[in-house]
């Protein structure tokens, strides 16, 4: 191991802004060295005092040997005690005291080979705080400055980080569980918005049960070890984890969460692709009751097929279509298509004025609800995506789709869609049609524009203004 030494310094850190400091910390964690066990055989760990502790070599050997023989429930004797090992529930129970602990299988690869894993987070924590809570002074004093000094910037960065890490309301210190959770979300979460939504739910749960977050990390790691996975759970792994929680004799809140997940799974509300991998972020969202929705880009050829036949002659290059796009999110109650045509619309997928899509591209998943998406569009996107600002070249439906996808799952739409207008409009023929296209494609929902089925999202804020509400007015620059 490192002997408790802090991770190696990061070059040129003083010239970076606060956000760059955070990225540097992430790299620091990645580069923290880990002990590598000489044996590649599986060994066994138990969850004790908020972290995984390895069993003795002889105990691990006996458990793995009896697992290989097909045994699932058996007794072993160790250190003068008799333990009941249950490989179906992944538990170790002291037969005399009745104390049950969760256990996992692991090896050199699963424990230490995956980048930015929980073991690395814990090791980095101890490099800063040892076994004590991590305070601002401790983190600042171990922050790598590479021989230079910019104490105010470091202090400001550390203060902001600790506030973001804290889920218990203690802004001046965090514990090992909060630290590990923060960096796991930095690794897995698609955006700041997504992390905040998970943390708000967890903060409420922690008020009722201060240990629930540590146990959720334990359950996730146990499931990874059970399936020999290195960083993400399969759909089957999630189901097994929930079944094991429901069967557990412990009376804890996550047992109810697991029962609800299994019920939604049986009813078809919780579905995943067979090859889908669930990160720690996904695991928390599912357990906390948030549903994952499929996101697709629906692409319509506004040339009516003429682009494929005549684009080379008229535009000087080949295009399969001249694309209008909408972002489709598959909610349980309906598939909503969000699109921009001078106003922002939420239509039943496939009911827009553009007919049937020529192509549908799967983009990923989001945990946003329909109300959250509509609210974000109304508050943050409607002032920017308006009829007055529509331009078929520089500010069109594809630019809106790209911006919305960044909110949904922090990823852009394909370049050949979002950049097509720039390629097409570089030709004389297309530039001549620019005013006509602006009037047509940017005029839906207007008095002299085409009709469009679906609600106008930029009007939905009116529904939220009730008697007693405080309304702030500001000028859009």
Protein backbone atom coordinates (compact mmCIF):
# COMPACT_ATOMS: atom_id res chain seq x y z
CA UNK A 1 0.00 0.00 0.00
CA UNK A 2 0.98 3.68 0.14
CA UNK A 3 1.54 3.79 3.88
CA UNK A 4 -1.07 6.53 4.21
CA UNK A 5 0.69 8.93 1.82
CA UNK A 6 -1.59 11.34 -0.11
CA UNK A 7 -2.09 10.72 -3.83
CA UNK A 8 0.54 12.14 -6.19
CA UNK A 9 0.37 15.86 -7.04
CA UNK A 10 -1.27 17.25 -10.15
CA UNK A 11 0.75 19.60 -12.36
CA UNK A 12 -0.23 23.23 -12.90
CA UNK A 13 -3.11 23.06 -10.44
CA UNK A 14 -2.79 26.65 -9.28
CA UNK A 15 -3.78 28.10 -12.63
CA UNK A 16 -7.01 26.12 -12.79
CA UNK A 17 -10.50 27.29 -11.88
CA UNK A 18 -12.58 25.57 -9.20
CA UNK A 19 -14.20 23.14 -11.64
CA UNK A 20 -10.77 22.15 -12.91
CA UNK A 21 -9.66 21.57 -9.33
CA UNK A 22 -12.47 19.03 -8.99
CA UNK A 23 -11.41 17.24 -12.18
CA UNK A 24 -7.85 17.17 -10.87
CA UNK A 25 -9.08 15.55 -7.64
CA UNK A 26 -10.85 12.93 -9.74
CA UNK A 27 -7.62 12.15 -11.59
CA UNK A 28 -5.83 12.03 -8.25
CA UNK A 29 -8.18 9.34 -7.05
CA UNK A 30 -7.75 7.37 -10.25
CA UNK A 31 -3.99 7.41 -9.86
CA UNK A 32 -3.99 6.34 -6.21
CA UNK A 33 -2.08 3.09 -6.02
CA UNK A 34 -3.77 0.02 -4.63
CA UNK A 35 -2.32 -3.13 -3.15
CA UNK A 36 -2.49 -6.03 -5.57
CA UNK A 37 -3.00 -9.43 -4.04
CA UNK A 38 -0.65 -12.10 -5.26
CA UNK A 39 -3.45 -14.62 -5.52
CA UNK A 40 -6.00 -14.28 -8.30
CA UNK A 41 -8.34 -16.69 -6.48
CA UNK A 42 -11.62 -15.42 -5.10
CA UNK A 43 -11.62 -14.34 -1.49
CA UNK A 44 -14.44 -13.28 0.82
CA UNK A 45 -15.11 -9.99 2.58
CA UNK A 46 -17.76 -8.96 5.13
CA UNK A 47 -19.31 -5.53 5.66
CA UNK A 48 -18.15 -4.29 9.04
CA UNK A 49 -18.20 -0.76 10.47
CA UNK A 50 -19.04 0.88 7.16
CA UNK A 51 -16.55 -0.89 4.89
CA UNK A 52 -15.50 -4.27 3.52
CA UNK A 53 -13.12 -6.29 5.69
CA UNK A 54 -11.46 -9.48 4.37
CA UNK A 55 -12.00 -12.78 6.13
CA UNK A 56 -9.00 -14.88 7.02
CA UNK A 57 -7.32 -16.90 4.30
CA UNK A 58 -8.53 -20.23 5.68
CA UNK A 59 -12.14 -19.00 5.96
CA UNK A 60 -12.13 -17.68 2.38
CA UNK A 61 -10.63 -20.91 1.11
CA UNK A 62 -13.26 -23.05 2.82
CA UNK A 63 -16.16 -20.90 1.61
CA UNK A 64 -14.96 -20.85 -2.01
CA UNK A 65 -14.27 -24.59 -1.90
CA UNK A 66 -17.75 -25.40 -0.65
CA UNK A 67 -19.30 -22.97 -3.14
CA UNK A 68 -17.50 -24.81 -5.94
CA UNK A 69 -18.95 -28.07 -4.58
CA UNK A 70 -22.46 -26.67 -5.02
CA UNK A 71 -23.29 -25.99 -1.35
CA UNK A 72 -25.38 -22.90 -0.61
CA UNK A 73 -26.04 -23.05 3.16
CA UNK A 74 -23.42 -24.50 5.50
CA UNK A 75 -21.49 -23.90 8.73
CA UNK A 76 -17.83 -23.04 9.23
CA UNK A 77 -15.78 -22.69 12.42
CA UNK A 78 -13.38 -19.78 12.81
CA UNK A 79 -11.69 -18.05 15.76
CA UNK A 80 -13.69 -20.07 18.26
CA UNK A 81 -17.07 -19.22 16.71
CA UNK A 82 -19.47 -21.09 14.45
CA UNK A 83 -20.86 -19.15 11.48
CA UNK A 84 -23.74 -20.03 9.18
CA UNK A 85 -22.86 -19.11 5.59
CA UNK A 86 -25.82 -18.50 3.26
CA UNK A 87 -24.67 -18.04 -0.34
CA UNK A 88 -28.23 -17.45 -1.56
CA UNK A 89 -28.56 -14.39 0.69
CA UNK A 90 -24.80 -13.66 0.77
CA UNK A 91 -24.75 -13.50 4.58
CA UNK A 92 -22.56 -14.66 7.47
CA UNK A 93 -24.41 -15.27 10.76
CA UNK A 94 -22.75 -15.85 14.12
CA UNK A 95 -24.63 -18.90 15.40
CA UNK A 96 -24.24 -17.95 19.07
CA UNK A 97 -25.09 -14.23 18.92
CA UNK A 98 -27.36 -14.28 15.87
CA UNK A 99 -25.50 -11.27 14.39
CA UNK A 100 -25.74 -11.32 10.59
CA UNK A 101 -23.38 -9.52 8.25
CA UNK A 102 -23.46 -9.16 4.48
CA UNK A 103 -20.55 -10.69 2.58
CA UNK A 104 -19.23 -10.70 -0.96
CA UNK A 105 -16.84 -12.59 -3.20
CA UNK A 106 -14.09 -10.55 -4.76
CA UNK A 107 -10.64 -10.90 -6.29
CA UNK A 108 -7.74 -8.75 -7.39
CA UNK A 109 -9.62 -7.63 -10.52
CA UNK A 110 -13.00 -6.76 -9.03
CA UNK A 111 -11.61 -5.14 -5.92
CA UNK A 112 -8.76 -3.17 -7.40
CA UNK A 113 -8.75 -3.36 -11.19
CA UNK A 114 -11.81 -1.26 -12.02
CA UNK A 115 -10.94 2.45 -12.33
CA UNK A 116 -12.41 4.82 -9.75
CA UNK A 117 -14.00 2.04 -7.69
CA UNK A 118 -15.15 2.30 -4.08
CA UNK A 119 -11.91 0.80 -2.82
CA UNK A 120 -10.01 3.66 -4.42
CA UNK A 121 -12.43 6.22 -2.97
CA UNK A 122 -11.90 4.80 0.51
CA UNK A 123 -8.16 4.74 0.16
CA UNK A 124 -8.08 8.36 -1.02
CA UNK A 125 -10.31 9.35 1.92
CA UNK A 126 -7.87 7.83 4.40
CA UNK A 127 -5.00 9.64 2.70
CA UNK A 128 -6.75 12.89 3.68
CA UNK A 129 -8.49 12.08 6.96
CA UNK A 130 -7.35 8.71 8.25
CA UNK A 131 -10.21 7.20 10.25
CA UNK A 132 -11.67 10.56 11.36
CA UNK A 133 -14.34 12.70 9.67
CA UNK A 134 -12.94 14.74 6.78
CA UNK A 135 -12.83 18.45 7.65
CA UNK A 136 -12.02 21.48 5.56
CA UNK A 137 -8.68 21.86 7.34
CA UNK A 138 -7.73 18.22 6.68
CA UNK A 139 -8.61 18.36 2.99
CA UNK A 140 -6.94 21.74 2.46
CA UNK A 141 -3.75 20.65 4.19
CA UNK A 142 -3.40 17.54 2.01
CA UNK A 143 -4.37 19.25 -1.25
CA UNK A 144 -1.45 18.99 -3.73
CA UNK A 145 0.04 22.40 -4.52
CA UNK A 146 3.16 21.22 -6.37
CA UNK A 147 5.47 23.63 -4.60
CA UNK A 148 3.37 26.72 -5.28
CA UNK A 149 0.61 28.37 -3.29
CA UNK A 150 -2.82 29.77 -3.90
CA UNK A 151 -4.48 29.24 -0.54
CA UNK A 152 -7.66 31.32 -1.16
CA UNK A 153 -8.51 29.35 -4.30
CA UNK A 154 -7.89 26.02 -2.58
CA UNK A 155 -9.95 27.05 0.44
CA UNK A 156 -12.84 28.20 -1.74
CA UNK A 157 -12.75 24.98 -3.76
CA UNK A 158 -12.58 22.75 -0.70
CA UNK A 159 -15.49 24.59 0.94
CA UNK A 160 -17.68 24.16 -2.14
CA UNK A 161 -16.75 20.48 -2.45
CA UNK A 162 -17.55 19.66 1.16
CA UNK A 163 -20.91 21.39 0.89
CA UNK A 164 -21.70 19.39 -2.24
CA UNK A 165 -20.62 16.15 -0.54
CA UNK A 166 -22.58 16.63 2.68
CA UNK A 167 -25.97 14.91 2.77
CA UNK A 168 -26.46 15.13 6.54
CA UNK A 169 -26.50 18.93 6.74
CA UNK A 170 -23.00 19.14 8.28
CA UNK A 171 -21.25 21.60 5.97
CA UNK A 172 -17.89 21.56 7.75
CA UNK A 173 -17.23 17.81 7.57
CA UNK A 174 -18.17 14.66 5.70
CA UNK A 175 -17.77 10.99 6.49
CA UNK A 176 -16.39 8.14 4.42
CA UNK A 177 -19.81 7.14 3.05
CA UNK A 178 -20.61 10.67 1.82
CA UNK A 179 -17.15 10.99 0.24
CA UNK A 180 -17.49 7.69 -1.63
CA UNK A 181 -21.02 8.55 -2.76
CA UNK A 182 -19.91 11.93 -4.11
CA UNK A 183 -17.12 10.50 -6.23
CA UNK A 184 -19.24 7.57 -7.43
CA UNK A 185 -21.82 10.06 -8.75
CA UNK A 186 -19.05 12.16 -10.31
CA UNK A 187 -18.09 8.99 -12.15
CA UNK A 188 -21.57 7.73 -13.08
CA UNK A 189 -24.08 10.58 -13.09
CA UNK A 190 -24.81 12.23 -16.46
CA UNK A 191 -25.16 15.75 -15.06
CA UNK A 192 -25.30 18.02 -12.04
CA UNK A 193 -29.11 18.08 -12.28
CA UNK A 194 -29.28 14.28 -12.15
CA UNK A 195 -27.00 14.07 -9.11
CA UNK A 196 -28.98 16.73 -7.27
CA UNK A 197 -32.26 14.84 -7.77
CA UNK A 198 -30.78 11.65 -6.29
CA UNK A 199 -29.20 13.54 -3.39
CA UNK A 200 -32.43 15.30 -2.48
CA UNK A 201 -34.17 11.94 -2.05
CA UNK A 202 -31.24 10.46 -0.14
CA UNK A 203 -31.04 13.45 2.21
CA UNK A 204 -34.66 12.84 3.23
CA UNK A 205 -34.01 9.12 3.79
CA UNK A 206 -30.90 9.88 5.86
CA UNK A 207 -32.93 11.97 8.31
CA UNK A 208 -34.92 8.85 9.19
CA UNK A 209 -32.05 6.38 8.98
CA UNK A 210 -28.48 7.82 9.08
CA UNK A 211 -26.96 4.50 7.95
CA UNK A 212 -29.08 3.86 4.87
CA UNK A 213 -26.56 5.30 2.38
CA UNK A 214 -23.75 3.09 3.68
CA UNK A 215 -25.96 0.04 3.39
CA UNK A 216 -26.97 0.97 -0.18
CA UNK A 217 -23.29 1.08 -1.14
CA UNK A 218 -22.85 -2.28 0.58
CA UNK A 219 -25.78 -3.83 -1.33
CA UNK A 220 -24.45 -2.53 -4.66
CA UNK A 221 -20.95 -3.86 -4.04
CA UNK A 222 -22.30 -7.17 -2.78
CA UNK A 223 -24.25 -7.63 -6.00
CA UNK A 224 -21.19 -6.77 -8.08
CA UNK A 225 -19.15 -9.37 -6.22
CA UNK A 226 -21.89 -11.99 -6.52
CA UNK A 227 -22.05 -11.59 -10.31
CA UNK A 228 -18.25 -11.14 -10.65
CA UNK A 229 -18.89 -7.78 -12.31
CA UNK A 230 -16.32 -5.00 -12.20
CA UNK A 231 -18.40 -1.83 -12.23
CA UNK A 232 -22.04 -2.22 -13.23
CA UNK A 233 -24.98 -4.52 -12.52
CA UNK A 234 -26.96 -6.48 -15.06
CA UNK A 235 -30.75 -6.50 -15.01
CA UNK A 236 -30.67 -9.98 -13.46
CA UNK A 237 -28.18 -8.77 -10.86
CA UNK A 238 -30.57 -6.02 -9.80
CA UNK A 239 -33.44 -8.48 -9.46
CA UNK A 240 -31.31 -10.88 -7.39
CA UNK A 241 -30.20 -8.04 -5.13
CA UNK A 242 -33.82 -7.03 -4.50
CA UNK A 243 -34.90 -10.62 -3.89
CA UNK A 244 -32.08 -11.04 -1.37
CA UNK A 245 -33.10 -7.82 0.41
CA UNK A 246 -36.75 -8.87 0.61
CA UNK A 247 -35.76 -12.25 2.05
CA UNK A 248 -33.51 -10.65 4.66
CA UNK A 249 -34.71 -10.71 8.30
CA UNK A 250 -33.47 -7.14 8.81
CA UNK A 251 -36.17 -4.46 9.17
CA UNK A 252 -34.69 -1.62 7.15
CA UNK A 253 -36.15 0.92 4.73
CA UNK A 254 -34.37 -0.49 1.66
CA UNK A 255 -36.20 -3.77 2.17
CA UNK A 256 -39.44 -1.94 1.33
CA UNK A 257 -37.74 -0.22 -1.61
CA UNK A 258 -36.63 -3.61 -2.94
CA UNK A 259 -40.16 -5.03 -2.61
CA UNK A 260 -41.51 -2.09 -4.61
CA UNK A 261 -38.88 -2.58 -7.32
CA UNK A 262 -39.82 -6.26 -7.64
CA UNK A 263 -43.51 -5.37 -7.83
CA UNK A 264 -42.85 -2.80 -10.57
CA UNK A 265 -40.68 -5.36 -12.33
CA UNK A 266 -43.48 -7.94 -12.29
CA UNK A 267 -45.95 -5.35 -13.60
CA UNK A 268 -43.60 -4.33 -16.40
CA UNK A 269 -42.90 -0.82 -15.08
CA UNK A 270 -39.21 -1.57 -14.47
CA UNK A 271 -37.70 -2.87 -17.69
CA UNK A 272 -34.18 -2.81 -19.06
CA UNK A 273 -32.49 -4.07 -22.18
CA UNK A 274 -31.04 -7.54 -21.68
CA UNK A 275 -27.50 -6.21 -22.10
CA UNK A 276 -28.03 -3.01 -20.10
CA UNK A 277 -25.49 -2.26 -17.37
CA UNK A 278 -26.69 -0.43 -14.27
CA UNK A 279 -24.20 1.90 -12.64
CA UNK A 280 -24.26 2.97 -8.99
CA UNK A 281 -26.24 6.03 -10.14
CA UNK A 282 -28.77 3.79 -11.92
CA UNK A 283 -29.01 1.48 -8.90
CA UNK A 284 -29.85 4.35 -6.56
CA UNK A 285 -32.42 5.81 -8.92
CA UNK A 286 -34.23 2.50 -9.31
CA UNK A 287 -34.18 1.76 -5.59
CA UNK A 288 -35.42 5.27 -4.76
CA UNK A 289 -38.41 4.80 -7.04
CA UNK A 290 -37.33 6.86 -10.05
CA UNK A 291 -38.12 5.24 -13.39
CA UNK A 292 -35.74 5.03 -16.32
CA UNK A 293 -37.19 6.09 -19.67
CA UNK A 294 -35.88 5.36 -23.14
CA UNK A 295 -34.79 8.41 -25.19
CA UNK A 296 -34.83 8.38 -28.99
CA UNK A 297 -34.28 10.86 -31.78
CA UNK A 298 -37.02 10.75 -34.41
CA UNK A 299 -35.90 12.14 -37.76
CA UNK A 300 -38.24 13.41 -40.47
CA UNK A 301 -37.27 14.18 -44.05
CA UNK A 302 -38.90 17.54 -44.81
CA UNK A 303 -37.94 17.13 -48.49
CA UNK A 304 -40.42 14.26 -48.80
CA UNK A 305 -37.79 11.91 -50.22
CA UNK A 306 -36.49 14.36 -52.78
CA UNK A 307 -33.18 14.87 -50.95
CA UNK A 308 -32.16 11.27 -51.53
CA UNK A 309 -32.83 11.58 -55.24
CA UNK A 310 -31.87 15.16 -56.09
CA UNK A 311 -29.59 16.49 -53.33
CA UNK A 312 -26.41 15.82 -55.28
CA UNK A 313 -27.69 17.74 -58.30
CA UNK A 314 -29.22 20.65 -56.37
CA UNK A 315 -26.93 20.90 -53.34
CA UNK A 316 -23.69 19.42 -54.59
CA UNK A 317 -23.57 16.54 -52.10
CA UNK A 318 -25.63 13.52 -51.12
CA UNK A 319 -28.14 13.67 -48.24
CA UNK A 320 -30.54 10.87 -47.32
CA UNK A 321 -32.94 13.48 -46.00
CA UNK A 322 -33.24 17.10 -44.89
CA UNK A 323 -33.84 16.51 -41.23
CA UNK A 324 -36.37 17.86 -38.81
CA UNK A 325 -35.93 16.10 -35.48
CA UNK A 326 -37.86 15.60 -32.27
CA UNK A 327 -36.80 13.99 -28.99
CA UNK A 328 -39.07 11.11 -27.96
CA UNK A 329 -39.19 9.90 -24.36
CA UNK A 330 -41.10 6.69 -23.65
CA UNK A 331 -43.09 7.24 -20.45
CA UNK A 332 -45.38 4.48 -19.11
CA UNK A 333 -48.51 6.53 -19.80
CA UNK A 334 -47.46 7.78 -23.28
CA UNK A 335 -44.50 8.43 -25.54
CA UNK A 336 -43.94 12.18 -25.68
CA UNK A 337 -42.25 13.92 -28.59
CA UNK A 338 -40.62 17.23 -27.69
CA UNK A 339 -39.87 19.53 -30.62
CA UNK A 340 -39.29 23.11 -31.68
CA UNK A 341 -41.23 24.82 -34.45
CA UNK A 342 -41.23 28.47 -33.44
CA UNK A 343 -42.75 27.38 -30.13
CA UNK A 344 -41.90 24.42 -27.94
CA UNK A 345 -44.26 21.45 -28.19
CA UNK A 346 -45.01 18.25 -26.30
CA UNK A 347 -46.92 15.97 -28.68
CA UNK A 348 -47.91 12.34 -28.64
CA UNK A 349 -45.05 10.70 -30.52
CA UNK A 350 -45.85 10.45 -34.22
CA UNK A 351 -48.67 13.01 -34.22
CA UNK A 352 -46.61 16.00 -35.37
CA UNK A 353 -47.25 17.71 -38.74
CA UNK A 354 -44.24 15.96 -40.26
CA UNK A 355 -45.87 12.56 -40.77
CA UNK A 356 -43.98 9.34 -40.13
CA UNK A 357 -40.28 9.50 -39.17
CA UNK A 358 -37.83 8.21 -41.73
CA UNK A 359 -35.41 7.12 -39.02
CA UNK A 360 -35.42 6.53 -35.25
CA UNK A 361 -32.14 6.54 -33.34
CA UNK A 362 -31.84 5.24 -29.79
CA UNK A 363 -29.87 7.75 -27.73
CA UNK A 364 -29.95 6.35 -24.21
CA UNK A 365 -32.06 6.75 -21.06
CA UNK A 366 -33.20 9.43 -18.65
CA UNK A 367 -34.72 9.46 -15.17
CA UNK A 368 -36.48 12.78 -15.75
CA UNK A 369 -40.25 12.80 -15.44
CA UNK A 370 -42.50 14.40 -18.04
CA UNK A 371 -43.34 17.25 -15.65
CA UNK A 372 -39.65 17.87 -14.96
CA UNK A 373 -38.90 18.04 -18.68
CA UNK A 374 -41.81 20.39 -19.40
CA UNK A 375 -40.86 22.62 -16.49
CA UNK A 376 -37.22 22.80 -17.62
CA UNK A 377 -38.26 23.61 -21.19
CA UNK A 378 -40.64 26.35 -20.04
CA UNK A 379 -38.24 27.94 -17.57
CA UNK A 380 -34.90 27.60 -19.29
CA UNK A 381 -35.44 26.88 -22.99
CA UNK A 382 -38.55 28.82 -24.06
CA UNK A 383 -36.86 32.26 -23.91
CA UNK A 384 -34.08 30.98 -26.17
CA UNK A 385 -36.12 28.84 -28.56
CA UNK A 386 -38.84 31.21 -29.72
CA UNK A 387 -40.46 32.09 -33.05
CA UNK A 388 -38.51 35.33 -33.24
CA UNK A 389 -35.20 33.54 -32.78
CA UNK A 390 -35.90 30.61 -35.10
CA UNK A 391 -33.44 30.31 -37.95
CA UNK A 392 -33.23 27.28 -40.20
CA UNK A 393 -29.45 27.60 -40.33
CA UNK A 394 -28.30 28.65 -36.86
CA UNK A 395 -31.18 28.01 -34.44
CA UNK A 396 -33.47 25.24 -35.61
CA UNK A 397 -35.26 22.14 -34.35
CA UNK A 398 -32.08 20.08 -34.35
CA UNK A 399 -30.30 22.59 -32.15
CA UNK A 400 -33.23 22.35 -29.74
CA UNK A 401 -33.05 18.53 -29.77
CA UNK A 402 -29.35 18.73 -28.99
CA UNK A 403 -29.88 21.14 -26.07
CA UNK A 404 -32.72 19.05 -24.61
CA UNK A 405 -30.66 15.85 -24.78
CA UNK A 406 -27.91 17.52 -22.77
CA UNK A 407 -30.48 18.04 -20.01
CA UNK A 408 -31.94 14.53 -20.31
CA UNK A 409 -28.73 12.50 -20.25
CA UNK A 410 -25.82 14.89 -20.85
CA UNK A 411 -25.08 13.72 -24.40
CA UNK A 412 -25.30 15.40 -27.80
CA UNK A 413 -27.36 14.16 -30.73
CA UNK A 414 -25.37 12.80 -33.71
CA UNK A 415 -23.24 15.35 -35.59
CA UNK A 416 -24.73 14.49 -38.96
CA UNK A 417 -28.11 15.74 -37.70
CA UNK A 418 -27.22 18.82 -35.67
CA UNK A 419 -24.68 20.11 -38.23
CA UNK A 420 -26.64 19.28 -41.38
CA UNK A 421 -28.20 22.74 -41.76
CA UNK A 422 -24.76 24.34 -41.91
CA UNK A 423 -23.69 21.93 -44.66
CA UNK A 424 -26.91 22.32 -46.64
CA UNK A 425 -27.19 26.10 -46.31
CA UNK A 426 -23.69 26.62 -47.65
CA UNK A 427 -25.17 26.19 -51.13
CA UNK A 428 -26.75 29.01 -53.17
CA UNK A 429 -29.98 27.06 -53.71
CA UNK A 430 -30.56 26.51 -50.01
CA UNK A 431 -29.72 30.11 -49.08
CA UNK A 432 -32.34 31.31 -51.53
CA UNK A 433 -34.94 29.18 -49.72
CA UNK A 434 -33.90 30.34 -46.24
CA UNK A 435 -36.68 32.96 -45.68
CA UNK A 436 -39.37 30.52 -46.87
CA UNK A 437 -38.07 27.74 -44.64
CA UNK A 438 -37.88 30.07 -41.64
CA UNK A 439 -41.52 31.08 -42.14
CA UNK A 440 -42.70 27.47 -42.53
CA UNK A 441 -40.61 25.57 -39.98
CA UNK A 442 -40.56 28.35 -37.39
CA UNK A 443 -44.25 29.23 -37.58
CA UNK A 444 -46.07 26.35 -35.91
CA UNK A 445 -48.59 27.49 -33.33
CA UNK A 446 -48.64 31.07 -34.58
CA UNK A 447 -51.67 32.94 -35.90
CA UNK A 448 -50.50 32.62 -39.49
CA UNK A 449 -48.52 29.41 -39.05
CA UNK A 450 -49.35 25.73 -39.48
CA UNK A 451 -51.41 23.96 -36.85
CA UNK A 452 -49.67 21.47 -34.59
CA UNK A 453 -51.16 18.82 -32.33
CA UNK A 454 -49.82 18.81 -28.79
CA UNK A 455 -49.51 21.28 -25.94
CA UNK A 456 -47.26 24.30 -26.17
CA UNK A 457 -44.70 23.82 -23.41
CA UNK A 458 -43.86 27.50 -23.10
CA UNK A 459 -47.41 28.12 -21.86
CA UNK A 460 -47.26 25.58 -19.02
CA UNK A 461 -45.82 28.04 -16.49
CA UNK A 462 -49.20 29.75 -16.36
CA UNK A 463 -50.58 26.63 -14.68
CA UNK A 464 -48.04 26.98 -11.86
CA UNK A 465 -48.90 30.58 -10.97
CA UNK A 466 -51.51 30.34 -8.20
CA UNK A 467 -52.81 32.87 -5.64
CA UNK A 468 -50.09 33.62 -3.12
CA UNK A 469 -47.23 32.76 -5.49
CA UNK A 470 -44.19 35.05 -5.65
CA UNK A 471 -43.39 35.96 -9.25
CA UNK A 472 -40.06 37.41 -10.30
CA UNK A 473 -39.81 39.42 -13.50
CA UNK A 474 -36.53 40.02 -15.26
CA UNK A 475 -35.43 41.34 -18.63
CA UNK A 476 -33.98 38.78 -21.03
CA UNK A 477 -30.67 40.18 -22.28
